[in-house]
N, C-alpha and C. Protein backbone atom coordinates (compact mmCIF):
# COMPACT_ATOMS: atom_id res chain seq x y z
N MET A 1 -30.14 -13.11 49.91
CA MET A 1 -30.37 -14.49 49.54
C MET A 1 -30.73 -14.58 48.07
N SER A 2 -30.32 -15.68 47.47
CA SER A 2 -30.64 -15.88 46.07
C SER A 2 -32.03 -16.47 45.93
N LYS A 3 -32.58 -16.32 44.75
CA LYS A 3 -33.91 -16.86 44.49
C LYS A 3 -33.82 -18.38 44.42
N PRO A 4 -34.86 -19.07 44.92
CA PRO A 4 -34.83 -20.53 44.83
C PRO A 4 -34.99 -20.97 43.37
N GLN A 5 -34.30 -22.04 43.01
CA GLN A 5 -34.39 -22.56 41.65
C GLN A 5 -35.46 -23.64 41.60
N PHE A 6 -36.15 -23.70 40.46
CA PHE A 6 -37.21 -24.68 40.28
C PHE A 6 -36.90 -25.50 39.03
N ASP A 7 -37.26 -26.79 39.08
CA ASP A 7 -37.06 -27.63 37.90
C ASP A 7 -38.25 -27.51 36.96
N SER A 8 -38.26 -28.29 35.89
CA SER A 8 -39.32 -28.17 34.87
C SER A 8 -40.70 -28.57 35.40
N ASP A 9 -40.74 -29.37 36.47
CA ASP A 9 -42.02 -29.78 37.04
C ASP A 9 -42.54 -28.81 38.09
N GLY A 10 -41.75 -27.79 38.42
CA GLY A 10 -42.18 -26.81 39.40
C GLY A 10 -41.72 -27.09 40.82
N PHE A 11 -40.86 -28.11 41.00
CA PHE A 11 -40.35 -28.41 42.33
C PHE A 11 -39.09 -27.60 42.59
N GLN A 12 -38.94 -27.17 43.84
CA GLN A 12 -37.77 -26.39 44.20
C GLN A 12 -36.55 -27.31 44.29
N ILE A 13 -35.44 -26.86 43.70
CA ILE A 13 -34.20 -27.62 43.74
C ILE A 13 -33.50 -27.30 45.06
N VAL A 14 -33.23 -28.34 45.84
CA VAL A 14 -32.61 -28.19 47.15
C VAL A 14 -31.14 -28.53 47.02
N PRO A 15 -30.25 -27.66 47.56
CA PRO A 15 -28.82 -27.92 47.38
C PRO A 15 -28.31 -29.15 48.12
N LEU A 16 -28.78 -29.43 49.32
CA LEU A 16 -28.33 -30.58 50.09
C LEU A 16 -29.53 -31.43 50.50
N LYS A 17 -29.34 -32.72 50.43
CA LYS A 17 -30.39 -33.64 50.85
C LYS A 17 -30.09 -34.09 52.27
N LYS A 18 -31.07 -33.95 53.15
CA LYS A 18 -30.86 -34.36 54.53
C LYS A 18 -30.83 -35.88 54.61
N SER A 19 -29.91 -36.40 55.39
CA SER A 19 -29.81 -37.85 55.53
C SER A 19 -30.89 -38.34 56.50
N THR A 20 -31.35 -39.54 56.26
CA THR A 20 -32.37 -40.12 57.11
C THR A 20 -31.70 -40.94 58.20
N LYS A 21 -32.35 -41.02 59.33
CA LYS A 21 -31.81 -41.81 60.43
C LYS A 21 -32.05 -43.29 60.12
N LYS A 22 -31.02 -44.08 60.33
CA LYS A 22 -31.16 -45.51 60.10
C LYS A 22 -31.59 -46.16 61.41
N LYS A 23 -32.81 -46.63 61.43
CA LYS A 23 -33.33 -47.28 62.62
C LYS A 23 -33.40 -48.77 62.36
N SER A 24 -32.98 -49.54 63.32
CA SER A 24 -33.05 -50.98 63.16
C SER A 24 -34.49 -51.44 63.33
N THR A 25 -34.81 -52.53 62.67
CA THR A 25 -36.15 -53.09 62.76
C THR A 25 -36.29 -53.79 64.10
N LEU A 26 -37.36 -53.48 64.80
CA LEU A 26 -37.57 -54.10 66.10
C LEU A 26 -38.22 -55.45 65.91
N VAL A 27 -37.59 -56.47 66.46
CA VAL A 27 -38.11 -57.83 66.38
C VAL A 27 -38.63 -58.20 67.75
N PRO A 28 -39.84 -58.75 67.83
CA PRO A 28 -40.37 -59.11 69.15
C PRO A 28 -39.50 -60.17 69.82
N ARG A 29 -39.32 -60.03 71.13
CA ARG A 29 -38.47 -60.96 71.86
C ARG A 29 -39.12 -62.32 72.02
N LYS A 30 -40.41 -62.34 72.23
CA LYS A 30 -41.12 -63.60 72.40
C LYS A 30 -41.69 -64.06 71.06
N GLU A 31 -41.87 -65.35 70.96
CA GLU A 31 -42.48 -65.89 69.75
C GLU A 31 -43.98 -65.63 69.81
N ALA A 32 -44.52 -65.08 68.77
CA ALA A 32 -45.94 -64.77 68.72
C ALA A 32 -46.70 -65.99 68.20
N ASN A 33 -47.74 -66.35 68.90
CA ASN A 33 -48.57 -67.48 68.48
C ASN A 33 -49.86 -66.93 67.88
N PHE A 34 -49.94 -66.98 66.57
CA PHE A 34 -51.13 -66.51 65.89
C PHE A 34 -52.05 -67.71 65.64
N GLN A 35 -53.31 -67.51 65.92
CA GLN A 35 -54.27 -68.58 65.71
C GLN A 35 -55.13 -68.25 64.51
N LYS A 36 -55.28 -69.24 63.66
CA LYS A 36 -56.10 -69.05 62.48
C LYS A 36 -57.57 -69.07 62.91
N GLN A 37 -58.28 -68.02 62.51
CA GLN A 37 -59.69 -67.94 62.86
C GLN A 37 -60.53 -68.32 61.65
N GLU A 38 -61.62 -68.98 61.92
CA GLU A 38 -62.52 -69.37 60.83
C GLU A 38 -63.32 -68.15 60.38
N LEU A 39 -63.47 -68.04 59.09
CA LEU A 39 -64.28 -66.96 58.54
C LEU A 39 -65.73 -67.44 58.46
N LYS A 40 -66.60 -66.67 59.07
CA LYS A 40 -68.02 -67.00 59.01
C LYS A 40 -68.70 -65.90 58.20
N ILE A 41 -69.11 -66.26 57.00
CA ILE A 41 -69.76 -65.30 56.12
C ILE A 41 -71.23 -65.64 56.03
N ASP A 42 -72.06 -64.69 56.39
CA ASP A 42 -73.49 -64.86 56.28
C ASP A 42 -73.88 -64.50 54.85
N ILE A 43 -74.16 -65.52 54.06
CA ILE A 43 -74.43 -65.32 52.63
C ILE A 43 -75.70 -64.51 52.41
N GLU A 44 -76.73 -64.80 53.17
CA GLU A 44 -78.00 -64.06 53.02
C GLU A 44 -77.81 -62.57 53.30
N LYS A 45 -77.11 -62.27 54.39
CA LYS A 45 -76.89 -60.88 54.77
C LYS A 45 -76.03 -60.17 53.73
N SER A 46 -75.00 -60.85 53.24
CA SER A 46 -74.12 -60.27 52.22
C SER A 46 -74.89 -59.99 50.94
N TYR A 47 -75.72 -60.93 50.54
CA TYR A 47 -76.51 -60.77 49.32
C TYR A 47 -77.46 -59.58 49.45
N LYS A 48 -78.10 -59.44 50.61
CA LYS A 48 -79.02 -58.32 50.82
C LYS A 48 -78.27 -56.98 50.78
N ARG A 49 -77.07 -56.94 51.34
CA ARG A 49 -76.29 -55.70 51.32
C ARG A 49 -75.88 -55.34 49.90
N ILE A 50 -75.53 -56.34 49.09
CA ILE A 50 -75.17 -56.09 47.70
C ILE A 50 -76.38 -55.56 46.93
N GLN A 51 -77.54 -56.17 47.16
CA GLN A 51 -78.75 -55.71 46.49
C GLN A 51 -79.10 -54.28 46.90
N ALA A 52 -78.96 -53.96 48.18
CA ALA A 52 -79.27 -52.61 48.65
C ALA A 52 -78.32 -51.59 48.02
N ALA A 53 -77.05 -51.94 47.92
CA ALA A 53 -76.08 -51.03 47.30
C ALA A 53 -76.39 -50.84 45.83
N GLN A 54 -76.80 -51.91 45.17
CA GLN A 54 -77.15 -51.83 43.75
C GLN A 54 -78.38 -50.93 43.55
N GLU A 55 -79.36 -51.07 44.42
CA GLU A 55 -80.56 -50.24 44.33
C GLU A 55 -80.24 -48.76 44.59
N ASP A 56 -79.29 -48.50 45.50
CA ASP A 56 -78.90 -47.12 45.77
C ASP A 56 -78.16 -46.51 44.59
N LEU A 57 -77.42 -47.33 43.86
CA LEU A 57 -76.60 -46.83 42.77
C LEU A 57 -77.40 -46.62 41.48
N GLN A 58 -78.45 -47.37 41.28
CA GLN A 58 -79.21 -47.31 40.02
C GLN A 58 -79.67 -45.90 39.65
N PRO A 59 -80.32 -45.15 40.53
CA PRO A 59 -80.80 -43.82 40.11
C PRO A 59 -79.75 -42.71 40.23
N SER A 60 -78.53 -43.03 40.59
CA SER A 60 -77.55 -41.98 40.86
C SER A 60 -76.99 -41.36 39.59
N GLU A 61 -76.61 -40.10 39.70
CA GLU A 61 -75.99 -39.39 38.59
C GLU A 61 -74.61 -39.96 38.29
N TYR A 62 -73.94 -40.45 39.33
CA TYR A 62 -72.60 -41.02 39.15
C TYR A 62 -72.65 -42.19 38.17
N LEU A 63 -73.63 -43.08 38.36
CA LEU A 63 -73.75 -44.24 37.47
C LEU A 63 -74.05 -43.79 36.04
N LYS A 64 -74.91 -42.79 35.90
CA LYS A 64 -75.24 -42.30 34.56
C LYS A 64 -74.00 -41.73 33.88
N ASP A 65 -73.19 -40.97 34.64
CA ASP A 65 -71.96 -40.40 34.08
C ASP A 65 -70.96 -41.48 33.70
N VAL A 66 -70.86 -42.52 34.53
CA VAL A 66 -69.94 -43.62 34.23
C VAL A 66 -70.38 -44.35 32.98
N ILE A 67 -71.67 -44.61 32.85
CA ILE A 67 -72.19 -45.31 31.67
C ILE A 67 -71.93 -44.49 30.41
N LYS A 68 -72.14 -43.16 30.48
CA LYS A 68 -71.87 -42.31 29.32
C LYS A 68 -70.40 -42.34 28.95
N ALA A 69 -69.53 -42.23 29.95
CA ALA A 69 -68.09 -42.20 29.69
C ALA A 69 -67.62 -43.52 29.09
N VAL A 70 -68.12 -44.62 29.60
CA VAL A 70 -67.70 -45.93 29.09
C VAL A 70 -68.23 -46.15 27.69
N SER A 71 -69.48 -45.75 27.43
CA SER A 71 -70.04 -45.94 26.10
C SER A 71 -69.31 -45.08 25.07
N LYS A 72 -68.92 -43.84 25.46
CA LYS A 72 -68.14 -43.00 24.54
C LYS A 72 -66.78 -43.62 24.27
N TRP A 73 -66.16 -44.17 25.32
CA TRP A 73 -64.83 -44.77 25.18
C TRP A 73 -64.88 -46.02 24.30
N LEU A 74 -65.97 -46.78 24.39
CA LEU A 74 -66.09 -48.01 23.60
C LEU A 74 -66.37 -47.71 22.12
N GLN A 75 -66.94 -46.54 21.83
CA GLN A 75 -67.23 -46.21 20.44
C GLN A 75 -65.99 -45.72 19.82
């Protein structure tokens, strides 16, 4: 067997490309009745979750690294 050939990006060059099976898109036989649901957002609960996430992020090393990277990029 011959050695496999590789392109400049390191991918192996394949002599033949396998064809894909053409499958038809399945359409539902019955008409689907979707009902619009009302979104109920608890603002107090959402606000508390945002504050908790912010408090968790403040002392993290990740935030410190991001701040350093952004400040270096802005200079």
